[in-house]
Structure formats: structure tokens, C-alpha cells
Amino acid sequence: MTATLFILNDPPYGTERSYNGLRLAKALAKQPDQQVRVFLMGDAVACAKAGQKVPEGYYNAGDIVKMVATTGEVGLCGTCLTARGIEDGELVAGATRKTLNDLAAWTATADKVLVF
């Protein structure tokens, strides 16, 4: 099994870096013998906010986070959530508050680390 860690930093909208990271994580998680973990930090924690309303035909970052969480793990920087006033109850299903120590542990066990 290959373990890949994605670290996303950019906001869900305005750039496509987090969107592309989530898309790649989702696609990789569908491959056999792959373990996928995604850690959202900085403005990327907003990707996991529930109840996002986007224009018709536009991607919804929260929906993609939920899809990734069904086959992998999605952790969010707790300090970053607190700084942005986002409570745990406002997160999409499968996204969980984590710490920098959790990220360090995930990094130490990952075969690959991709940063977006």
C-alpha cells in the first residue's frame, strides 16, 4: 500500500490549487492499494465548511471534501479553524479537527507528500 498525504493551503475559491489537490486526491483514492490523507490548513480549511452555496455549474469544494473523506482521511488544522471562527459543527461529514502533531505523524508515515 502506498500512503500519499496532500497538504492544501489555498482558499476553496479564487485560485484552483485546493480544487486541483482535492480532485487529484479523489482520483488517487480510487486506485487500488492507495491510502490517501488530506490535511487542510490556512485558508484551505474553508474547503470543508458545510452549506456552501456556489453558482450553478461551479464546483463545490465541500462536496469534493466529503467525497475524499469516504475513501480517505481529511484533517483540518484546529488552530486555522479557530482563527477563522469555524466550529466543528460547521464542517462537512468526514472532515475532522486535527493538530500540527497529527500532521507531523501523517507526514512521518507518508510515502509521498504533495503540497498545494
N, C-alpha and C. Protein backbone atom coordinates (compact mmCIF):
# COMPACT_ATOMS: atom_id res chain seq x y z
N MET A 1 0.85 -1.19 0.00
CA MET A 1 0.00 0.00 0.00
C MET A 1 0.89 1.24 0.00
N THR A 2 0.53 2.20 -0.83
CA THR A 2 1.24 3.47 -0.89
C THR A 2 0.41 4.53 -0.17
N ALA A 3 1.04 5.25 0.75
CA ALA A 3 0.37 6.30 1.51
C ALA A 3 0.77 7.66 0.95
N THR A 4 -0.22 8.43 0.53
CA THR A 4 0.02 9.76 0.00
C THR A 4 -0.69 10.78 0.87
N LEU A 5 0.04 11.81 1.25
CA LEU A 5 -0.50 12.91 2.03
C LEU A 5 -0.56 14.15 1.16
N PHE A 6 -1.73 14.76 1.12
CA PHE A 6 -1.93 16.03 0.42
C PHE A 6 -2.05 17.12 1.48
N ILE A 7 -1.28 18.18 1.35
CA ILE A 7 -1.39 19.34 2.24
C ILE A 7 -1.87 20.51 1.39
N LEU A 8 -3.05 21.03 1.71
CA LEU A 8 -3.64 22.13 0.95
C LEU A 8 -3.63 23.38 1.80
N ASN A 9 -3.27 24.51 1.17
CA ASN A 9 -3.15 25.78 1.88
C ASN A 9 -4.07 26.88 1.35
N ASP A 10 -4.44 26.83 0.09
CA ASP A 10 -5.18 27.92 -0.54
C ASP A 10 -6.68 27.86 -0.25
N PRO A 11 -7.37 29.00 -0.37
CA PRO A 11 -8.81 29.03 -0.13
C PRO A 11 -9.55 28.19 -1.17
N PRO A 12 -10.78 27.81 -0.90
CA PRO A 12 -11.53 26.97 -1.83
C PRO A 12 -11.86 27.66 -3.15
N TYR A 13 -11.96 28.95 -3.14
CA TYR A 13 -12.34 29.70 -4.34
C TYR A 13 -11.38 30.87 -4.51
N GLY A 14 -11.20 31.29 -5.74
CA GLY A 14 -10.28 32.40 -6.04
C GLY A 14 -9.03 31.90 -6.73
N THR A 15 -8.54 30.74 -6.31
CA THR A 15 -7.50 30.02 -7.04
C THR A 15 -8.02 28.60 -7.22
N GLU A 16 -7.38 27.83 -8.02
CA GLU A 16 -7.82 26.45 -8.22
C GLU A 16 -6.86 25.44 -7.59
N ARG A 17 -5.93 25.90 -6.79
CA ARG A 17 -4.95 24.99 -6.21
C ARG A 17 -5.59 23.97 -5.28
N SER A 18 -6.42 24.39 -4.36
CA SER A 18 -7.07 23.44 -3.46
C SER A 18 -8.03 22.54 -4.23
N TYR A 19 -8.75 23.11 -5.17
CA TYR A 19 -9.66 22.33 -6.02
C TYR A 19 -8.89 21.22 -6.74
N ASN A 20 -7.77 21.57 -7.34
CA ASN A 20 -6.99 20.57 -8.07
C ASN A 20 -6.38 19.53 -7.13
N GLY A 21 -5.95 19.94 -5.96
CA GLY A 21 -5.45 18.99 -4.98
C GLY A 21 -6.52 18.02 -4.54
N LEU A 22 -7.71 18.52 -4.30
CA LEU A 22 -8.83 17.65 -3.90
C LEU A 22 -9.22 16.70 -5.03
N ARG A 23 -9.23 17.20 -6.25
CA ARG A 23 -9.55 16.34 -7.40
C ARG A 23 -8.54 15.21 -7.54
N LEU A 24 -7.27 15.54 -7.39
CA LEU A 24 -6.23 14.52 -7.50
C LEU A 24 -6.34 13.51 -6.36
N ALA A 25 -6.59 13.99 -5.15
CA ALA A 25 -6.75 13.09 -4.00
C ALA A 25 -7.92 12.14 -4.23
N LYS A 26 -9.01 12.66 -4.74
CA LYS A 26 -10.19 11.84 -5.01
C LYS A 26 -9.87 10.77 -6.06
N ALA A 27 -9.20 11.15 -7.12
CA ALA A 27 -8.85 10.20 -8.18
C ALA A 27 -7.86 9.15 -7.68
N LEU A 28 -6.88 9.56 -6.91
CA LEU A 28 -5.88 8.63 -6.39
C LEU A 28 -6.51 7.63 -5.43
N ALA A 29 -7.45 8.09 -4.63
CA ALA A 29 -8.09 7.22 -3.64
C ALA A 29 -8.87 6.08 -4.30
N LYS A 30 -9.24 6.25 -5.56
CA LYS A 30 -9.97 5.22 -6.29
C LYS A 30 -9.03 4.12 -6.81
N GLN A 31 -7.74 4.38 -6.81
CA GLN A 31 -6.76 3.41 -7.30
C GLN A 31 -6.55 2.32 -6.26
N PRO A 32 -6.25 1.10 -6.72
CA PRO A 32 -6.00 0.02 -5.76
C PRO A 32 -4.73 0.27 -4.95
N ASP A 33 -4.74 -0.20 -3.72
CA ASP A 33 -3.57 -0.14 -2.83
C ASP A 33 -3.07 1.27 -2.57
N GLN A 34 -4.00 2.22 -2.44
CA GLN A 34 -3.64 3.60 -2.14
C GLN A 34 -4.31 4.05 -0.85
N GLN A 35 -3.53 4.65 0.02
CA GLN A 35 -4.08 5.29 1.22
C GLN A 35 -3.91 6.79 1.01
N VAL A 36 -5.01 7.53 1.09
CA VAL A 36 -4.98 8.97 0.85
C VAL A 36 -5.40 9.71 2.11
N ARG A 37 -4.58 10.68 2.47
CA ARG A 37 -4.91 11.60 3.56
C ARG A 37 -4.77 13.01 3.02
N VAL A 38 -5.70 13.87 3.43
CA VAL A 38 -5.68 15.28 3.04
C VAL A 38 -5.69 16.11 4.31
N PHE A 39 -4.76 17.05 4.41
CA PHE A 39 -4.70 17.96 5.55
C PHE A 39 -4.92 19.37 5.02
N LEU A 40 -5.97 20.02 5.51
CA LEU A 40 -6.30 21.39 5.11
C LEU A 40 -5.78 22.35 6.18
N MET A 41 -5.03 23.34 5.74
CA MET A 41 -4.54 24.34 6.70
C MET A 41 -4.63 25.72 6.07
N GLY A 42 -4.44 26.74 6.90
CA GLY A 42 -4.58 28.11 6.40
C GLY A 42 -5.99 28.30 5.86
N ASP A 43 -6.10 29.05 4.77
CA ASP A 43 -7.41 29.33 4.18
C ASP A 43 -8.08 28.09 3.59
N ALA A 44 -7.33 27.01 3.40
CA ALA A 44 -7.91 25.79 2.84
C ALA A 44 -8.94 25.15 3.78
N VAL A 45 -8.91 25.48 5.08
CA VAL A 45 -9.90 24.88 5.99
C VAL A 45 -11.32 25.23 5.56
N ALA A 46 -11.50 26.34 4.86
CA ALA A 46 -12.83 26.73 4.40
C ALA A 46 -13.37 25.78 3.33
N CYS A 47 -12.51 24.97 2.73
CA CYS A 47 -12.97 23.96 1.77
C CYS A 47 -13.95 22.99 2.42
N ALA A 48 -13.80 22.75 3.70
CA ALA A 48 -14.62 21.77 4.41
C ALA A 48 -15.82 22.37 5.12
N LYS A 49 -16.12 23.63 4.88
CA LYS A 49 -17.27 24.28 5.51
C LYS A 49 -18.55 23.76 4.87
N ALA A 50 -19.46 23.29 5.68
CA ALA A 50 -20.75 22.79 5.19
C ALA A 50 -21.62 23.95 4.72
N GLY A 51 -22.55 23.64 3.85
CA GLY A 51 -23.54 24.62 3.41
C GLY A 51 -23.06 25.65 2.41
N GLN A 52 -22.01 25.35 1.68
CA GLN A 52 -21.51 26.30 0.69
C GLN A 52 -22.52 26.46 -0.45
N LYS A 53 -22.75 27.68 -0.84
CA LYS A 53 -23.66 27.99 -1.95
C LYS A 53 -22.82 28.57 -3.08
N VAL A 54 -22.75 27.83 -4.17
CA VAL A 54 -21.94 28.27 -5.31
C VAL A 54 -22.84 28.44 -6.53
N PRO A 55 -22.41 29.24 -7.51
CA PRO A 55 -23.23 29.41 -8.72
C PRO A 55 -23.46 28.07 -9.43
N GLU A 56 -24.58 27.97 -10.11
CA GLU A 56 -24.89 26.76 -10.85
C GLU A 56 -23.78 26.45 -11.84
N GLY A 57 -23.37 25.20 -11.86
CA GLY A 57 -22.31 24.77 -12.77
C GLY A 57 -20.91 24.93 -12.22
N TYR A 58 -20.78 25.52 -11.02
CA TYR A 58 -19.47 25.75 -10.41
C TYR A 58 -19.22 24.65 -9.38
N TYR A 59 -17.97 24.25 -9.23
CA TYR A 59 -17.66 23.20 -8.27
C TYR A 59 -17.92 23.65 -6.84
N ASN A 60 -18.25 22.69 -5.99
CA ASN A 60 -18.48 22.93 -4.58
C ASN A 60 -17.37 22.20 -3.81
N ALA A 61 -16.46 22.94 -3.22
CA ALA A 61 -15.32 22.35 -2.53
C ALA A 61 -15.77 21.44 -1.39
N GLY A 62 -16.82 21.81 -0.69
CA GLY A 62 -17.31 20.99 0.41
C GLY A 62 -17.75 19.61 -0.06
N ASP A 63 -18.40 19.57 -1.21
CA ASP A 63 -18.83 18.27 -1.76
C ASP A 63 -17.63 17.39 -2.10
N ILE A 64 -16.58 18.00 -2.65
CA ILE A 64 -15.39 17.23 -3.00
C ILE A 64 -14.70 16.72 -1.74
N VAL A 65 -14.64 17.53 -0.70
CA VAL A 65 -14.06 17.09 0.58
C VAL A 65 -14.82 15.87 1.10
N LYS A 66 -16.16 15.92 1.05
CA LYS A 66 -16.97 14.78 1.50
C LYS A 66 -16.65 13.52 0.70
N MET A 67 -16.48 13.67 -0.61
CA MET A 67 -16.15 12.52 -1.45
C MET A 67 -14.79 11.92 -1.09
N VAL A 68 -13.81 12.78 -0.86
CA VAL A 68 -12.48 12.31 -0.47
C VAL A 68 -12.56 11.58 0.87
N ALA A 69 -13.34 12.11 1.79
CA ALA A 69 -13.45 11.54 3.13
C ALA A 69 -14.09 10.15 3.13
N THR A 70 -14.84 9.82 2.10
CA THR A 70 -15.46 8.49 2.05
C THR A 70 -14.45 7.39 1.77
N THR A 71 -13.33 7.74 1.13
CA THR A 71 -12.32 6.73 0.80
C THR A 71 -10.97 7.00 1.46
N GLY A 72 -10.82 8.17 2.05
CA GLY A 72 -9.56 8.53 2.71
C GLY A 72 -9.85 9.28 3.99
N GLU A 73 -8.84 9.97 4.49
CA GLU A 73 -9.00 10.78 5.71
C GLU A 73 -8.79 12.25 5.37
N VAL A 74 -9.60 13.11 5.99
CA VAL A 74 -9.47 14.54 5.82
C VAL A 74 -9.34 15.18 7.19
N GLY A 75 -8.21 15.81 7.44
CA GLY A 75 -7.97 16.51 8.68
C GLY A 75 -7.83 18.00 8.44
N LEU A 76 -8.23 18.78 9.42
CA LEU A 76 -8.15 20.24 9.32
C LEU A 76 -7.37 20.79 10.48
N CYS A 77 -6.53 21.75 10.22
CA CYS A 77 -5.75 22.40 11.26
C CYS A 77 -6.69 23.09 12.25
N GLY A 78 -6.66 22.63 13.50
CA GLY A 78 -7.52 23.21 14.52
C GLY A 78 -7.25 24.67 14.79
N THR A 79 -5.98 25.06 14.80
CA THR A 79 -5.62 26.47 15.01
C THR A 79 -6.17 27.33 13.88
N CYS A 80 -6.08 26.83 12.65
CA CYS A 80 -6.58 27.57 11.49
C CYS A 80 -8.09 27.71 11.52
N LEU A 81 -8.79 26.64 11.96
CA LEU A 81 -10.24 26.71 12.10
C LEU A 81 -10.63 27.76 13.12
N THR A 82 -9.98 27.74 14.27
CA THR A 82 -10.29 28.69 15.34
C THR A 82 -10.04 30.12 14.89
N ALA A 83 -8.93 30.34 14.20
CA ALA A 83 -8.59 31.69 13.73
C ALA A 83 -9.64 32.23 12.76
N ARG A 84 -10.32 31.33 12.06
CA ARG A 84 -11.33 31.75 11.07
C ARG A 84 -12.75 31.64 11.62
N GLY A 85 -12.88 31.31 12.89
CA GLY A 85 -14.20 31.25 13.52
C GLY A 85 -15.06 30.10 13.03
N ILE A 86 -14.44 29.03 12.57
CA ILE A 86 -15.20 27.88 12.08
C ILE A 86 -15.24 26.82 13.18
N GLU A 87 -16.45 26.45 13.57
CA GLU A 87 -16.65 25.45 14.62
C GLU A 87 -16.73 24.05 14.00
N ASP A 88 -16.48 23.04 14.81
CA ASP A 88 -16.52 21.66 14.33
C ASP A 88 -17.87 21.29 13.73
N GLY A 89 -18.95 21.79 14.30
CA GLY A 89 -20.29 21.51 13.81
C GLY A 89 -20.60 22.10 12.45
N GLU A 90 -19.72 22.99 11.97
CA GLU A 90 -19.92 23.61 10.66
C GLU A 90 -19.19 22.88 9.53
N LEU A 91 -18.55 21.76 9.85
CA LEU A 91 -17.75 21.02 8.87
C LEU A 91 -18.58 19.97 8.16
N VAL A 92 -18.20 19.66 6.93
CA VAL A 92 -18.86 18.60 6.18
C VAL A 92 -18.54 17.26 6.84
N ALA A 93 -19.38 16.29 6.57
CA ALA A 93 -19.19 14.94 7.11
C ALA A 93 -17.83 14.38 6.69
N GLY A 94 -17.14 13.79 7.65
CA GLY A 94 -15.87 13.16 7.38
C GLY A 94 -14.65 14.04 7.59
N ALA A 95 -14.84 15.33 7.71
CA ALA A 95 -13.73 16.26 7.96
C ALA A 95 -13.58 16.44 9.47
N THR A 96 -12.36 16.29 9.99
CA THR A 96 -12.17 16.36 11.43
C THR A 96 -11.04 17.31 11.81
N ARG A 97 -11.24 17.95 12.95
CA ARG A 97 -10.23 18.85 13.51
C ARG A 97 -9.02 18.03 13.93
N LYS A 98 -7.85 18.49 13.54
CA LYS A 98 -6.58 17.83 13.88
C LYS A 98 -5.60 18.87 14.41
N THR A 99 -4.42 18.40 14.79
CA THR A 99 -3.38 19.27 15.31
C THR A 99 -2.14 19.20 14.42
N LEU A 100 -1.19 20.07 14.68
CA LEU A 100 0.08 20.02 13.96
C LEU A 100 0.81 18.72 14.28
N ASN A 101 0.64 18.19 15.48
CA ASN A 101 1.23 16.89 15.82
C ASN A 101 0.64 15.78 14.97
N ASP A 102 -0.67 15.85 14.68
CA ASP A 102 -1.29 14.88 13.79
C ASP A 102 -0.68 14.97 12.39
N LEU A 103 -0.50 16.20 11.90
CA LEU A 103 0.11 16.39 10.59
C LEU A 103 1.53 15.84 10.58
N ALA A 104 2.27 16.06 11.64
CA ALA A 104 3.63 15.53 11.73
C ALA A 104 3.62 14.00 11.65
N ALA A 105 2.69 13.36 12.35
CA ALA A 105 2.59 11.90 12.32
C ALA A 105 2.20 11.40 10.93
N TRP A 106 1.25 12.08 10.29
CA TRP A 106 0.86 11.70 8.94
C TRP A 106 2.04 11.85 7.98
N THR A 107 2.80 12.93 8.14
CA THR A 107 3.96 13.17 7.27
C THR A 107 5.02 12.09 7.46
N ALA A 108 5.26 11.72 8.70
CA ALA A 108 6.28 10.72 9.01
C ALA A 108 5.95 9.35 8.41
N THR A 109 4.67 9.03 8.26
CA THR A 109 4.28 7.72 7.74
C THR A 109 3.94 7.73 6.25
N ALA A 110 3.95 8.90 5.62
CA ALA A 110 3.59 9.00 4.21
C ALA A 110 4.76 8.57 3.31
N ASP A 111 4.42 7.90 2.22
CA ASP A 111 5.42 7.59 1.20
C ASP A 111 5.64 8.80 0.29
N LYS A 112 4.57 9.58 0.09
CA LYS A 112 4.63 10.77 -0.75
C LYS A 112 3.87 11.89 -0.06
N VAL A 113 4.39 13.10 -0.18
CA VAL A 113 3.71 14.29 0.34
C VAL A 113 3.60 15.29 -0.81
N LEU A 114 2.37 15.69 -1.11
CA LEU A 114 2.11 16.68 -2.16
C LEU A 114 1.53 17.92 -1.51
N VAL A 115 2.08 19.07 -1.84
CA VAL A 115 1.65 20.32 -1.24
C VAL A 115 1.05 21.22 -2.32
N PHE A 116 -0.15 21.68 -2.07
CA PHE A 116 -0.85 22.58 -2.99
C PHE A 116 -1.10 23.90 -2.28
